[in-house]
Every structure is written in structure tokens, then in C-alpha cells.
């Protein structure tokens, strides 16, 4: 796979993506064991936090701090499970972009594809740096807690973990698990972001093909090159198939990551209102709120990534009709005009990425998430 190399590298380091090119059975076995350890650690961390919320937590501050990490781990466990279980589907999604009709066919299309690939990589790097700053602050806070004799994160265990050996083992386990969880988070968010934006790239490539096709047809008709009519019909039918294939690709991406988007949006609303509530109470204590503030900013950016990319796809998918209308198509034959009309009619139904059936990824949904978070925050204050 020649695209999304940075995203899959994050997955590989995070322990949930064995490189496709590996052929050694020994290496595959060792990496599968590594993956099992990572997944077990995440679910163990999730379970012990849940038990602490049920049995131990008895005040709002503890609930706020615990629910923040707990919901984040729920989202990470969901992402991990989806990536591992649907590995083949993800590989197919990437490989299909390297084949016809998605693969760029000339220099102009390569330029379009390269533009989107660079933008996706640039956003992935910037988001990774933001997440790194957040986890660095969290890790420093965890180390300080450990030095003072507290676990980095509250958990419940059916044993005495104040014993030195057990205490240090659990502390290191928690810090390592959160670092790997951050890698998986960043890898998933940037991969989904990239796969969604590849839909925009395909619409732009299709628009370029239609523009060139109409220009070539118009020139040939003006030159009375009727002998090439059958070849031109075949070209137009390929564009129609490409347009339908883009819808098929977008649906496959949505089906693959549907549960991830649902859990992400559901947990993000609760996390945002909880973190904002916690920050408003401890606004004067900067040392206690620094990591929370960084995490809250990351969460806002995280949801914006999804919603902005989904909004771009909606815009690009509906703009195809306007692009065709503005092309010089009046000199085409009746059958060719009907073909273009099919594309225009199909584009009246935009491509939408949804979080299950509840939320459509768009800037309007992002605004609604912020409003919902603020409403929940207001209720919590009362």
C-alpha cells in the first residue's frame, strides 16, 4: 500500500496493525502476541476504571476525572477492535484507490491526487503533534502522581496495590497503555479523515475527466470526426461508472467505520461537557487543569476533523452538477447529454458520512455537538 503510510505506521507502533508486506511466520506470530497484549491491557484498564466508578467514586471531582479517561478508553477499545476485526476491509479500501477507475490516469490527475495526499499527511502530522503535547502533559502529571504515592489513574482492583512492587507495575502499565491508546486514537482519526477526503479527491478527478472529455468531444464534432463516436461513448460510460464507484467507495468507508464514529460522537459529547465543567470549577488551579485543557482542545479538534471532512464531501459531491452545467456541452449528441444528465441527477443526492443513523458528519453537526455539550454543562452546574 503506497498511501496512508504514516497512518499505518502509527497503527503498527500502536500494536494493532501487522504490516501487510511481512511474510515471515515467526514475525507474524510475535506481532500477534504483541497485539493481544495491547488489546488485553486496554480492556483491563477499561474494566478496572469502570469498577472504580461503580464501587469507589463518591464525589463530583473524582467522577469527572474518572469518566473522562473511562469514556476515552471506551472509544479506544472500540477503535482497536474495529481495526483488528476489519483489517481485510481496510486493506481493500486502500487498495481499491490504487486501481481503475480511481487510479490517476494522466499528469493532471496525479497532481490532484498528490495535492490531497500531501494535505492529508500534513494534517496527520499536525494532529499527531497536538496529541503528543497532550499525552506528554498527561504523562508528566502521571509521573508526579506516582512520585507522591498515587496511581496515575484511579482504578479498582480486588487486591492491595499499595505494595511497592504491585504499585510500580500498575503505574507503569497505566502510563504505557495510555501512550499506546493515544497512538491508536491518532492513527484511527487521521486514517478515517484521509479515507473521507479521498472521496473529495475522486470527485475532483472525475470533474477533470469530464471537462477534458467534453472538450475533446466538442473539438472532434467541430472537425466532423464522426468515426470516433463509439470510442467517445465508451469514455462517457467510464465516467458514469466512476461516479457510481465513488458512491460505492464512500459507502464502504462508512460501513467499515460506522461504529467508531458512533462511539466517538457519543463519548465526545460526554467528555466535552465533563471536562469543561471540571475546568470551570478548577480554573484558578492551573497545574491541576493544564492536562485537562490540552485534552479538551484535542477533543474539539478531533470532532472537527471528522465533521469538516464530511462537510467537504457533501459539498464536492453536489458541486459535480454545477461543474457539468458550466461546461461546454451543448454541441454533444442527445445520448451523451443524457449520460451527463444521469450524473447530474445522481449528484442531487449528496454523499454523506454518518455516525450510525444519528449524526451526519458536517459542520452543522459540529455546531450541534458544541450546543449539546454546553447544554449538558449548564445542567451539571445546576
Protein backbone atom coordinates (compact mmCIF):
# COMPACT_ATOMS: atom_id res chain seq x y z
CA UNK A 1 0.00 0.00 0.00
CA UNK A 2 1.56 3.24 -1.16
CA UNK A 3 -0.83 5.68 0.55
CA UNK A 4 -1.56 6.35 4.23
CA UNK A 5 1.93 5.11 5.13
CA UNK A 6 2.17 7.46 8.13
CA UNK A 7 -1.24 6.40 9.46
CA UNK A 8 -0.48 2.70 9.24
CA UNK A 9 2.94 3.31 10.83
CA UNK A 10 1.10 4.74 13.86
CA UNK A 11 -1.07 1.62 13.92
CA UNK A 12 1.99 -0.64 13.68
CA UNK A 13 3.76 1.12 16.55
CA UNK A 14 0.48 1.09 18.46
CA UNK A 15 0.40 -2.70 18.18
CA UNK A 16 -2.76 -3.29 16.16
CA UNK A 17 -1.53 -3.38 12.56
CA UNK A 18 0.86 -6.06 11.33
CA UNK A 19 2.50 -4.72 8.14
CA UNK A 20 0.92 -6.27 5.04
CA UNK A 21 4.29 -6.93 3.42
CA UNK A 22 5.53 -9.18 6.24
CA UNK A 23 5.92 -12.78 5.07
CA UNK A 24 7.78 -14.42 7.96
CA UNK A 25 5.51 -16.66 10.03
CA UNK A 26 7.67 -16.10 13.10
CA UNK A 27 7.40 -12.31 12.81
CA UNK A 28 3.62 -12.59 12.30
CA UNK A 29 3.28 -14.77 15.41
CA UNK A 30 5.32 -12.41 17.58
CA UNK A 31 3.36 -9.38 16.38
CA UNK A 32 0.04 -11.18 17.00
CA UNK A 33 1.18 -11.81 20.58
CA UNK A 34 2.10 -8.12 20.86
CA UNK A 35 -1.37 -7.18 19.56
CA UNK A 36 -3.03 -9.50 22.10
CA UNK A 37 -1.06 -7.88 24.94
CA UNK A 38 -2.04 -4.37 23.81
CA UNK A 39 -5.74 -5.22 23.47
CA UNK A 40 -5.78 -7.05 26.81
CA UNK A 41 -4.10 -4.08 28.51
CA UNK A 42 -6.67 -1.66 27.12
CA UNK A 43 -9.65 -3.74 28.17
CA UNK A 44 -8.11 -4.41 31.60
CA UNK A 45 -7.59 -0.67 32.11
CA UNK A 46 -11.17 -0.02 30.97
CA UNK A 47 -12.64 -2.66 33.29
CA UNK A 48 -10.73 -1.53 36.40
CA UNK A 49 -11.75 2.10 35.79
CA UNK A 50 -15.38 1.08 35.43
CA UNK A 51 -15.20 -0.86 38.70
CA UNK A 52 -13.73 2.19 40.43
CA UNK A 53 -16.63 4.35 39.21
CA UNK A 54 -19.10 1.76 40.49
CA UNK A 55 -17.52 0.94 43.88
CA UNK A 56 -15.28 3.83 44.96
CA UNK A 57 -16.17 7.19 43.41
CA UNK A 58 -18.23 9.30 45.82
CA UNK A 59 -17.75 12.94 44.73
CA UNK A 60 -18.10 15.05 41.59
CA UNK A 61 -14.37 15.74 41.16
CA UNK A 62 -13.42 12.07 41.16
CA UNK A 63 -16.34 11.24 38.88
CA UNK A 64 -15.29 13.96 36.40
CA UNK A 65 -11.68 12.84 36.22
CA UNK A 66 -12.56 9.15 36.02
CA UNK A 67 -15.38 9.47 33.50
CA UNK A 68 -13.08 11.47 31.22
CA UNK A 69 -10.48 8.74 30.96
CA UNK A 70 -13.07 5.94 31.05
CA UNK A 71 -15.03 7.27 28.04
CA UNK A 72 -11.80 7.88 26.16
CA UNK A 73 -10.76 4.27 26.76
CA UNK A 74 -14.19 3.08 25.59
CA UNK A 75 -13.57 4.88 22.30
CA UNK A 76 -10.02 3.47 22.04
CA UNK A 77 -11.19 -0.09 22.70
CA UNK A 78 -13.87 0.32 20.02
CA UNK A 79 -11.32 1.63 17.51
CA UNK A 80 -8.87 -1.15 18.33
CA UNK A 81 -11.50 -3.85 17.93
CA UNK A 82 -12.79 -2.45 14.63
CA UNK A 83 -9.29 -2.15 13.13
CA UNK A 84 -8.28 -5.67 14.15
CA UNK A 85 -11.57 -7.34 13.17
CA UNK A 86 -11.98 -5.42 9.90
CA UNK A 87 -8.36 -5.49 8.81
CA UNK A 88 -9.15 -7.03 5.42
CA UNK A 89 -11.89 -4.47 4.73
CA UNK A 90 -9.49 -1.62 5.50
CA UNK A 91 -6.83 -3.13 3.23
CA UNK A 92 -9.40 -3.39 0.43
CA UNK A 93 -10.44 0.25 0.91
CA UNK A 94 -6.85 1.38 0.43
CA UNK A 95 -6.01 -0.98 -2.41
CA UNK A 96 -9.11 -0.07 -4.41
CA UNK A 97 -7.82 3.52 -4.63
CA UNK A 98 -4.78 2.20 -6.50
CA UNK A 99 -6.88 0.56 -9.22
CA UNK A 100 -9.09 1.80 -12.05
CA UNK A 101 -11.26 3.82 -12.14
CA UNK A 102 -9.89 5.51 -9.00
CA UNK A 103 -6.22 5.50 -10.01
CA UNK A 104 -4.99 8.73 -11.67
CA UNK A 105 -4.57 8.31 -15.43
CA UNK A 106 -2.61 11.38 -16.51
CA UNK A 107 -0.39 14.13 -15.17
CA UNK A 108 -3.26 16.44 -14.18
CA UNK A 109 -4.94 13.70 -12.18
CA UNK A 110 -1.65 12.81 -10.50
CA UNK A 111 -1.32 16.47 -9.45
CA UNK A 112 -4.84 16.38 -7.95
CA UNK A 113 -4.13 13.12 -6.10
CA UNK A 114 -0.76 14.39 -4.84
CA UNK A 115 -2.38 17.60 -3.58
CA UNK A 116 -4.85 15.64 -1.43
CA UNK A 117 -2.22 13.12 -0.26
CA UNK A 118 0.05 15.94 0.92
CA UNK A 119 -2.81 17.72 2.65
CA UNK A 120 -3.86 14.53 4.46
CA UNK A 121 -0.27 13.84 5.53
CA UNK A 122 0.21 17.44 6.69
CA UNK A 123 -2.98 17.36 8.78
CA UNK A 124 -1.98 13.96 10.20
CA UNK A 125 1.40 15.30 11.31
CA UNK A 126 -0.10 18.43 12.87
CA UNK A 127 -2.75 16.44 14.71
CA UNK A 128 -0.09 13.97 15.89
CA UNK A 129 1.94 16.85 17.34
CA UNK A 130 -1.15 18.17 19.14
CA UNK A 131 -1.91 14.73 20.57
CA UNK A 132 1.76 14.30 21.54
CA UNK A 133 1.69 17.53 23.52
CA UNK A 134 -1.47 16.37 25.27
CA UNK A 135 -0.11 12.92 26.19
CA UNK A 136 3.22 14.45 27.24
CA UNK A 137 1.43 16.71 29.70
CA UNK A 138 -0.61 13.76 30.92
CA UNK A 139 2.48 11.59 31.33
CA UNK A 140 4.31 14.28 33.30
CA UNK A 141 1.26 14.59 35.56
CA UNK A 142 1.19 10.80 35.97
CA UNK A 143 4.87 10.68 36.93
CA UNK A 144 4.30 13.40 39.53
CA UNK A 145 1.37 11.42 40.95
CA UNK A 146 3.48 8.29 41.16
CA UNK A 147 6.29 10.16 42.93
CA UNK A 148 3.73 11.29 45.53
CA UNK A 149 2.48 7.74 46.04
CA UNK A 150 -0.67 7.87 43.89
CA UNK A 151 -1.55 5.82 40.84
CA UNK A 152 -1.58 7.82 37.57
CA UNK A 153 -5.30 7.00 37.15
CA UNK A 154 -7.86 5.78 39.66
CA UNK A 155 -8.78 2.10 39.34
CA UNK A 156 -10.27 -0.63 41.50
CA UNK A 157 -8.56 -3.98 41.99
CA UNK A 158 -9.57 -6.87 44.28
CA UNK A 159 -6.15 -6.75 45.98
CA UNK A 160 -3.87 -4.41 47.93
CA UNK A 161 -1.91 -2.46 45.29
CA UNK A 162 -0.10 -0.28 47.83
CA UNK A 163 2.66 -2.87 47.95
CA UNK A 164 5.71 -1.32 46.26
CA UNK A 165 6.15 -3.92 43.51
CA UNK A 166 2.47 -4.06 42.58
CA UNK A 167 2.14 -0.26 42.78
CA UNK A 168 5.01 0.37 40.36
CA UNK A 169 3.86 -2.39 38.00
CA UNK A 170 0.35 -0.94 37.77
CA UNK A 171 1.66 2.63 37.42
CA UNK A 172 3.95 1.72 34.53
CA UNK A 173 1.18 -0.34 32.96
CA UNK A 174 -1.23 2.63 33.06
CA UNK A 175 1.25 5.08 31.56
CA UNK A 176 2.32 2.70 28.79
CA UNK A 177 -1.30 1.80 27.99
CA UNK A 178 -2.32 5.47 27.65
CA UNK A 179 0.63 6.13 25.31
CA UNK A 180 -0.35 3.21 23.06
CA UNK A 181 -4.01 4.30 23.27
CA UNK A 182 -3.02 7.76 22.04
CA UNK A 183 -1.20 6.24 19.04
CA UNK A 184 -4.26 4.18 18.16
CA UNK A 185 -6.51 7.21 18.57
CA UNK A 186 -4.39 9.40 16.32
CA UNK A 187 -3.94 6.63 13.76
CA UNK A 188 -7.69 5.99 13.52
CA UNK A 189 -8.75 9.62 13.38
CA UNK A 190 -6.23 10.56 10.70
CA UNK A 191 -6.95 7.40 8.70
CA UNK A 192 -10.71 7.98 8.68
CA UNK A 193 -10.07 11.65 7.89
CA UNK A 194 -7.84 10.60 4.98
CA UNK A 195 -10.24 7.99 3.61
CA UNK A 196 -13.09 10.52 3.66
CA UNK A 197 -11.00 13.17 1.89
CA UNK A 198 -10.02 10.64 -0.76
CA UNK A 199 -13.68 10.80 -1.77
CA UNK A 200 -13.19 14.52 -2.47
CA UNK A 201 -10.07 13.70 -4.49
CA UNK A 202 -12.06 11.24 -6.61
CA UNK A 203 -14.79 13.80 -7.29
CA UNK A 204 -12.16 16.32 -8.37
CA UNK A 205 -10.51 13.71 -10.64
CA UNK A 206 -13.93 12.87 -12.13
CA UNK A 207 -14.62 16.55 -12.76
CA UNK A 208 -11.26 16.84 -14.53
CA UNK A 209 -12.02 13.80 -16.70
CA UNK A 210 -15.44 15.12 -17.67
CA UNK A 211 -14.01 18.53 -18.50
CA UNK A 212 -11.35 17.02 -20.81
CA UNK A 213 -13.83 14.59 -22.32
CA UNK A 214 -16.29 17.34 -23.24
CA UNK A 215 -13.53 19.49 -24.71
CA UNK A 216 -12.25 16.58 -26.83
CA UNK A 217 -15.74 15.66 -27.99
CA UNK A 218 -16.57 19.25 -28.90
CA UNK A 219 -13.36 19.61 -30.93
CA UNK A 220 -13.98 16.33 -32.75
CA UNK A 221 -17.57 17.21 -33.56
CA UNK A 222 -16.50 20.57 -34.92
CA UNK A 223 -13.97 18.72 -37.08
CA UNK A 224 -16.70 16.22 -38.13
CA UNK A 225 -14.78 13.30 -36.65
CA UNK A 226 -17.83 11.04 -36.52
CA UNK A 227 -15.75 7.92 -36.92
CA UNK A 228 -14.68 8.20 -33.26
CA UNK A 229 -18.24 8.30 -31.94
CA UNK A 230 -18.26 4.79 -30.46
CA UNK A 231 -14.97 5.41 -28.65
CA UNK A 232 -16.36 8.61 -27.14
CA UNK A 233 -19.47 6.80 -25.90
CA UNK A 234 -17.22 4.31 -24.13
CA UNK A 235 -15.31 7.16 -22.47
CA UNK A 236 -18.51 8.75 -21.17
CA UNK A 237 -19.79 5.44 -19.83
CA UNK A 238 -16.50 5.05 -17.94
CA UNK A 239 -17.08 8.43 -16.30
CA UNK A 240 -20.60 7.37 -15.30
CA UNK A 241 -19.21 4.14 -13.81
CA UNK A 242 -16.53 6.13 -12.00
CA UNK A 243 -19.19 8.42 -10.49
CA UNK A 244 -21.18 5.44 -9.23
CA UNK A 245 -17.98 3.81 -7.94
CA UNK A 246 -17.22 6.87 -5.79
CA UNK A 247 -20.59 6.45 -4.07
CA UNK A 248 -19.81 2.77 -3.58
CA UNK A 249 -16.40 3.59 -2.08
CA UNK A 250 -17.88 6.19 0.29
CA UNK A 251 -20.49 3.67 1.47
CA UNK A 252 -17.77 1.06 2.12
CA UNK A 253 -15.79 3.56 4.24
CA UNK A 254 -18.92 4.47 6.19
CA UNK A 255 -19.87 0.84 6.82
CA UNK A 256 -16.34 -0.04 7.96
CA UNK A 257 -16.03 2.79 10.50
CA UNK A 258 -19.71 3.29 11.36
CA UNK A 259 -19.42 2.04 14.95
CA UNK A 260 -16.23 4.04 15.53
CA UNK A 261 -17.96 7.27 14.53
CA UNK A 262 -20.99 6.49 16.71
CA UNK A 263 -18.95 5.72 19.84
CA UNK A 264 -16.67 8.70 19.16
CA UNK A 265 -19.52 11.20 18.94
CA UNK A 266 -21.40 9.75 21.90
CA UNK A 267 -18.33 9.73 24.16
CA UNK A 268 -17.10 13.11 22.90
CA UNK A 269 -20.30 14.89 23.95
CA UNK A 270 -20.00 13.49 27.47
CA UNK A 271 -16.24 14.07 27.64
CA UNK A 272 -16.52 17.67 26.44
CA UNK A 273 -19.23 18.68 28.90
CA UNK A 274 -17.42 16.88 31.75
CA UNK A 275 -14.03 18.42 31.00
CA UNK A 276 -15.49 21.93 30.56
CA UNK A 277 -17.35 21.52 33.84
CA UNK A 278 -14.17 20.40 35.62
CA UNK A 279 -12.17 23.28 34.13
CA UNK A 280 -14.76 25.84 35.23
CA UNK A 281 -14.56 24.61 38.83
CA UNK A 282 -10.73 24.47 38.98
CA UNK A 283 -9.98 27.41 36.72
CA UNK A 284 -7.70 29.03 39.33
CA UNK A 285 -5.59 25.90 39.83
CA UNK A 286 -3.54 25.95 36.62
CA UNK A 287 -1.33 22.98 37.49
CA UNK A 288 -4.38 20.73 38.01
CA UNK A 289 -6.17 21.84 34.84
CA UNK A 290 -3.28 22.04 32.33
CA UNK A 291 -3.62 18.44 31.15
CA UNK A 292 -7.42 18.73 31.12
CA UNK A 293 -7.20 21.87 29.00
CA UNK A 294 -4.88 20.21 26.48
CA UNK A 295 -7.12 17.16 26.34
CA UNK A 296 -10.25 19.29 25.82
CA UNK A 297 -8.60 21.15 22.93
CA UNK A 298 -7.63 17.81 21.37
CA UNK A 299 -11.22 16.61 21.69
CA UNK A 300 -12.59 19.71 19.96
CA UNK A 301 -10.07 19.27 17.13
CA UNK A 302 -10.85 15.56 16.95
CA UNK A 303 -14.55 16.10 16.31
CA UNK A 304 -13.83 19.00 13.96
CA UNK A 305 -11.61 16.70 11.86
CA UNK A 306 -14.49 14.31 11.27
CA UNK A 307 -17.14 16.97 10.67
CA UNK A 308 -15.06 19.17 8.38
CA UNK A 309 -14.02 16.27 6.15
CA UNK A 310 -17.62 15.02 5.96
CA UNK A 311 -18.80 18.52 5.09
CA UNK A 312 -16.23 18.75 2.27
CA UNK A 313 -17.53 15.50 0.77
CA UNK A 314 -21.13 16.78 0.83
CA UNK A 315 -20.02 19.96 -0.95
CA UNK A 316 -17.88 18.17 -3.55
CA UNK A 317 -20.49 15.54 -4.36
CA UNK A 318 -23.19 18.14 -5.06
CA UNK A 319 -20.88 20.51 -6.96
CA UNK A 320 -20.42 17.98 -9.79
CA UNK A 321 -23.78 19.01 -11.28
CA UNK A 322 -22.77 22.68 -11.31
CA UNK A 323 -19.41 21.82 -12.86
CA UNK A 324 -21.09 19.87 -15.68
CA UNK A 325 -23.64 22.63 -16.24
CA UNK A 326 -20.84 25.18 -16.68
CA UNK A 327 -19.02 23.00 -19.21
CA UNK A 328 -19.41 23.47 -22.97
CA UNK A 329 -21.79 20.54 -23.54
CA UNK A 330 -24.44 21.95 -25.99
CA UNK A 331 -22.62 20.53 -29.05
CA UNK A 332 -22.77 16.96 -27.73
CA UNK A 333 -25.16 14.36 -29.06
CA UNK A 334 -28.51 13.58 -27.40
CA UNK A 335 -27.23 10.29 -25.94
CA UNK A 336 -24.18 12.00 -24.47
CA UNK A 337 -26.32 14.75 -22.94
CA UNK A 338 -28.49 12.04 -21.38
CA UNK A 339 -25.35 10.47 -19.91
CA UNK A 340 -24.29 13.76 -18.37
CA UNK A 341 -27.85 14.29 -17.12
CA UNK A 342 -27.66 10.95 -15.31
CA UNK A 343 -24.57 12.16 -13.44
CA UNK A 344 -26.25 15.48 -12.62
CA UNK A 345 -29.40 13.80 -11.31
CA UNK A 346 -27.37 11.36 -9.20
CA UNK A 347 -25.35 14.22 -7.71
CA UNK A 348 -28.53 15.80 -6.29
CA UNK A 349 -28.24 13.15 -3.56
CA UNK A 350 -25.00 14.08 -1.77
CA UNK A 351 -22.53 11.63 -0.34
CA UNK A 352 -22.92 11.67 3.43
CA UNK A 353 -20.88 10.01 6.13
CA UNK A 354 -22.96 9.20 9.17
CA UNK A 355 -22.42 8.17 12.76
CA UNK A 356 -24.79 5.20 12.62
CA UNK A 357 -28.13 6.79 11.71
CA UNK A 358 -27.92 9.58 14.29
CA UNK A 359 -25.37 12.16 13.16
CA UNK A 360 -24.26 13.24 9.71
CA UNK A 361 -20.65 14.41 9.55
CA UNK A 362 -20.97 18.09 8.72
CA UNK A 363 -20.17 21.49 10.20
CA UNK A 364 -23.82 21.74 11.25
CA UNK A 365 -23.39 18.56 13.30
CA UNK A 366 -20.22 20.00 14.86
CA UNK A 367 -22.20 23.05 15.91
CA UNK A 368 -24.90 20.78 17.36
CA UNK A 369 -22.29 18.82 19.34
CA UNK A 370 -20.99 22.05 20.87
CA UNK A 371 -24.52 23.16 21.71
CA UNK A 372 -25.32 19.78 23.28
CA UNK A 373 -22.10 19.87 25.31
CA UNK A 374 -22.89 23.37 26.55
CA UNK A 375 -26.45 22.33 27.46
CA UNK A 376 -25.17 19.35 29.43
CA UNK A 377 -22.61 21.61 31.09
CA UNK A 378 -25.38 24.01 32.15
CA UNK A 379 -27.41 21.12 33.61
CA UNK A 380 -24.38 19.86 35.56
CA UNK A 381 -23.81 23.30 37.05
CA UNK A 382 -27.34 23.25 38.47
